[in-house]
Amino acid sequence: MPRPFIALAALVAVGTLTGCASDNEPTNASETQAAEPETFTVVGAIKVVDRDGIDLNFMDDLNVGDECTTNPGYGDIAAGAQVTVLDSKGEAVGVGSIGDGELTVDGFEMLGGGSANGVTEGCKFPFKVEDIPEGGNIYSISVGMRPDYQFTRDEALSLTLVLG
């Protein structure tokens, strides 16, 4: 009796062990990662440079880096406003929002007495849109009532849209 019983037990054990592995399940981490789509992040800012578009009621008290807002003509450019990234077909592939505005001064050229020449004041609103699927080179940003702004994949980490 020991011989047939041992043979049957060995057959059951081999069948049980081979049944544990499935052809449909990945066997290592690289196979699992390959199934996930690659994505990237769009990082940029919208800068309003039109003096009439920026609320500068207290200009004497404002400093670079202070929070700023826009006037009604630019009311669609404000903290919390939606930013949509579109693919080359015009389909939405990601959504983010605009952050708080920050007063900026660009083009500073200090001359002899500390005066500034070529100063451009602006209210800069940062934005970030994450998890944009890879697969194209041309994308566009849609913000408020503004025309879409086209950009390439290579420009995605440093966009600046200037209004005004």
Protein backbone atom coordinates (compact mmCIF):
# COMPACT_ATOMS: atom_id res chain seq x y z
CA MET A 1 0.00 0.00 0.00
CA PRO A 2 2.78 2.50 0.51
CA ARG A 3 3.83 2.65 -3.16
CA PRO A 4 0.50 3.63 -4.84
CA PHE A 5 -0.31 6.01 -2.01
CA ILE A 6 3.09 7.74 -2.34
CA ALA A 7 2.70 8.03 -6.11
CA LEU A 8 -0.78 9.51 -5.75
CA ALA A 9 0.41 11.97 -3.07
CA ALA A 10 3.33 13.06 -5.27
CA LEU A 11 1.00 13.62 -8.22
CA VAL A 12 -1.37 15.74 -6.11
CA ALA A 13 1.56 17.77 -4.73
CA VAL A 14 2.96 18.50 -8.22
CA GLY A 15 -0.49 19.46 -9.51
CA THR A 16 -1.04 21.79 -6.57
CA LEU A 17 2.33 23.51 -7.01
CA THR A 18 1.94 24.04 -10.75
CA GLY A 19 -1.61 25.33 -10.26
CA CYS A 20 -0.32 28.20 -8.09
CA ALA A 21 1.24 30.07 -10.99
CA SER A 22 -0.99 31.67 -13.60
CA ASP A 23 0.02 32.71 -17.10
CA ASN A 24 -2.11 35.84 -16.77
CA GLU A 25 -0.34 37.32 -13.74
CA PRO A 26 2.93 39.27 -14.05
CA THR A 27 5.85 37.48 -12.46
CA ASN A 28 8.04 40.51 -11.74
CA ALA A 29 7.81 44.26 -11.05
CA SER A 30 8.97 45.38 -14.52
CA GLU A 31 6.00 43.63 -16.15
CA THR A 32 3.65 45.39 -13.72
CA GLN A 33 5.21 48.81 -14.40
CA ALA A 34 5.05 48.36 -18.16
CA ALA A 35 1.26 48.12 -17.97
CA GLU A 36 0.92 51.57 -16.38
CA PRO A 37 0.73 54.46 -18.87
CA GLU A 38 3.54 57.00 -18.71
CA THR A 39 2.50 60.50 -17.69
CA PHE A 40 4.03 63.95 -17.23
CA THR A 41 3.19 67.18 -15.42
CA VAL A 42 2.56 70.60 -16.94
CA VAL A 43 3.91 73.44 -14.77
CA GLY A 44 3.58 77.10 -15.59
CA ALA A 45 2.10 80.48 -14.84
CA ILE A 46 -0.28 83.01 -16.32
CA LYS A 47 1.05 86.53 -16.06
CA VAL A 48 -1.23 89.56 -16.43
CA VAL A 49 0.90 92.57 -17.38
CA ASP A 50 -1.85 95.01 -18.37
CA ARG A 51 -1.76 97.69 -15.62
CA ASP A 52 -5.53 98.13 -16.03
CA GLY A 53 -5.99 94.40 -15.51
CA ILE A 54 -4.17 94.24 -12.17
CA ASP A 55 -5.74 95.50 -8.96
CA LEU A 56 -2.98 97.86 -7.77
CA ASN A 57 -5.07 100.14 -5.55
CA PHE A 58 -2.38 100.12 -2.88
CA MET A 59 0.70 100.14 -5.12
CA ASP A 60 2.75 102.18 -2.65
CA ASP A 61 2.32 99.45 -0.04
CA LEU A 62 2.89 96.46 -2.33
CA ASN A 63 6.19 94.62 -2.74
CA VAL A 64 7.37 91.99 -5.18
CA GLY A 65 5.99 88.67 -4.03
CA ASP A 66 2.88 90.14 -2.38
CA GLU A 67 -0.48 88.62 -3.27
CA CYS A 68 -2.30 90.35 -6.12
CA THR A 69 -5.59 89.97 -7.97
CA THR A 70 -7.00 90.99 -11.34
CA ASN A 71 -9.65 93.54 -12.28
CA PRO A 72 -12.96 92.61 -13.99
CA GLY A 73 -11.51 92.50 -17.51
CA TYR A 74 -9.36 89.58 -16.36
CA GLY A 75 -11.85 88.11 -13.89
CA ASP A 76 -11.44 84.64 -15.42
CA ILE A 77 -7.79 84.67 -14.30
CA ALA A 78 -8.02 84.16 -10.55
CA ALA A 79 -7.00 81.70 -7.85
CA GLY A 80 -9.01 78.50 -8.21
CA ALA A 81 -9.89 78.97 -11.89
CA GLN A 82 -9.70 75.77 -13.93
CA VAL A 83 -6.78 75.01 -16.27
CA THR A 84 -7.40 72.25 -18.84
CA VAL A 85 -4.72 70.51 -20.90
CA LEU A 86 -5.89 69.29 -24.31
CA ASP A 87 -4.21 66.78 -26.60
CA SER A 88 -3.61 67.38 -30.33
CA LYS A 89 -7.20 66.23 -31.06
CA GLY A 90 -8.61 68.87 -28.68
CA GLU A 91 -9.68 66.30 -26.09
CA ALA A 92 -9.19 67.12 -22.40
CA VAL A 93 -6.41 64.97 -20.90
CA GLY A 94 -5.89 66.76 -17.57
CA VAL A 95 -7.34 69.40 -15.28
CA GLY A 96 -5.71 71.62 -12.67
CA SER A 97 -6.30 75.03 -11.15
CA ILE A 98 -4.66 78.42 -10.86
CA GLY A 99 -2.92 79.33 -7.59
CA ASP A 100 -2.82 82.70 -5.82
CA GLY A 101 -1.51 85.67 -7.78
CA GLU A 102 1.88 87.10 -6.88
CA LEU A 103 3.17 90.57 -7.77
CA THR A 104 6.23 90.38 -10.03
CA VAL A 105 8.58 92.91 -11.57
CA ASP A 106 10.52 91.83 -14.64
CA GLY A 107 13.09 93.59 -16.79
CA PHE A 108 14.80 95.27 -13.85
CA GLU A 109 17.91 97.19 -14.90
CA MET A 110 19.48 99.06 -12.03
CA LEU A 111 21.16 102.27 -13.12
CA GLY A 112 23.64 104.49 -11.26
CA GLY A 113 21.31 105.91 -8.59
CA GLY A 114 19.33 102.72 -7.97
CA SER A 115 16.49 103.69 -10.32
CA ALA A 116 14.77 101.05 -12.43
CA ASN A 117 14.55 101.13 -16.20
CA GLY A 118 12.34 98.88 -18.32
CA VAL A 119 10.21 97.66 -15.41
CA THR A 120 7.18 95.53 -16.22
CA GLU A 121 4.83 94.90 -13.35
CA GLY A 122 2.63 91.85 -13.42
CA CYS A 123 0.42 89.56 -11.44
CA LYS A 124 1.62 85.99 -11.91
CA PHE A 125 -0.68 83.01 -11.21
CA PRO A 126 1.03 79.61 -11.00
CA PHE A 127 -0.63 76.37 -12.14
CA LYS A 128 0.16 72.68 -12.30
CA VAL A 129 -1.66 69.88 -14.15
CA GLU A 130 -0.51 66.36 -13.28
CA ASP A 131 -0.88 62.93 -14.89
CA ILE A 132 -0.99 64.03 -18.53
CA PRO A 133 -0.67 60.86 -20.65
CA GLU A 134 2.41 60.65 -22.87
CA GLY A 135 1.86 60.05 -26.54
CA GLY A 136 1.93 63.34 -28.33
CA ASN A 137 4.19 66.28 -28.90
CA ILE A 138 1.66 69.10 -29.32
CA TYR A 139 -0.73 70.02 -26.52
CA SER A 140 -2.68 73.12 -25.56
CA ILE A 141 -3.85 74.86 -22.39
CA SER A 142 -7.35 76.23 -21.97
CA VAL A 143 -7.96 78.84 -19.24
CA GLY A 144 -11.15 80.80 -18.72
CA MET A 145 -12.32 82.75 -21.76
CA ARG A 146 -8.81 83.00 -23.23
CA PRO A 147 -7.79 81.43 -26.54
CA ASP A 148 -6.08 78.06 -26.20
CA TYR A 149 -2.29 78.27 -25.95
CA GLN A 150 -0.33 75.58 -27.83
CA PHE A 151 2.87 74.11 -26.44
CA THR A 152 5.17 71.17 -27.06
CA ARG A 153 5.91 68.31 -24.69
CA ASP A 154 9.42 69.76 -24.17
CA GLU A 155 7.95 73.08 -22.94
CA ALA A 156 5.64 71.43 -20.39
CA LEU A 157 7.71 72.23 -17.30
CA SER A 158 8.17 75.95 -17.91
CA LEU A 159 5.14 77.54 -19.55
CA THR A 160 4.39 81.23 -19.11
CA LEU A 161 1.28 82.66 -20.74
CA VAL A 162 1.40 86.46 -20.85
CA LEU A 163 -1.84 88.46 -21.03
CA GLY A 164 -2.05 92.18 -21.59
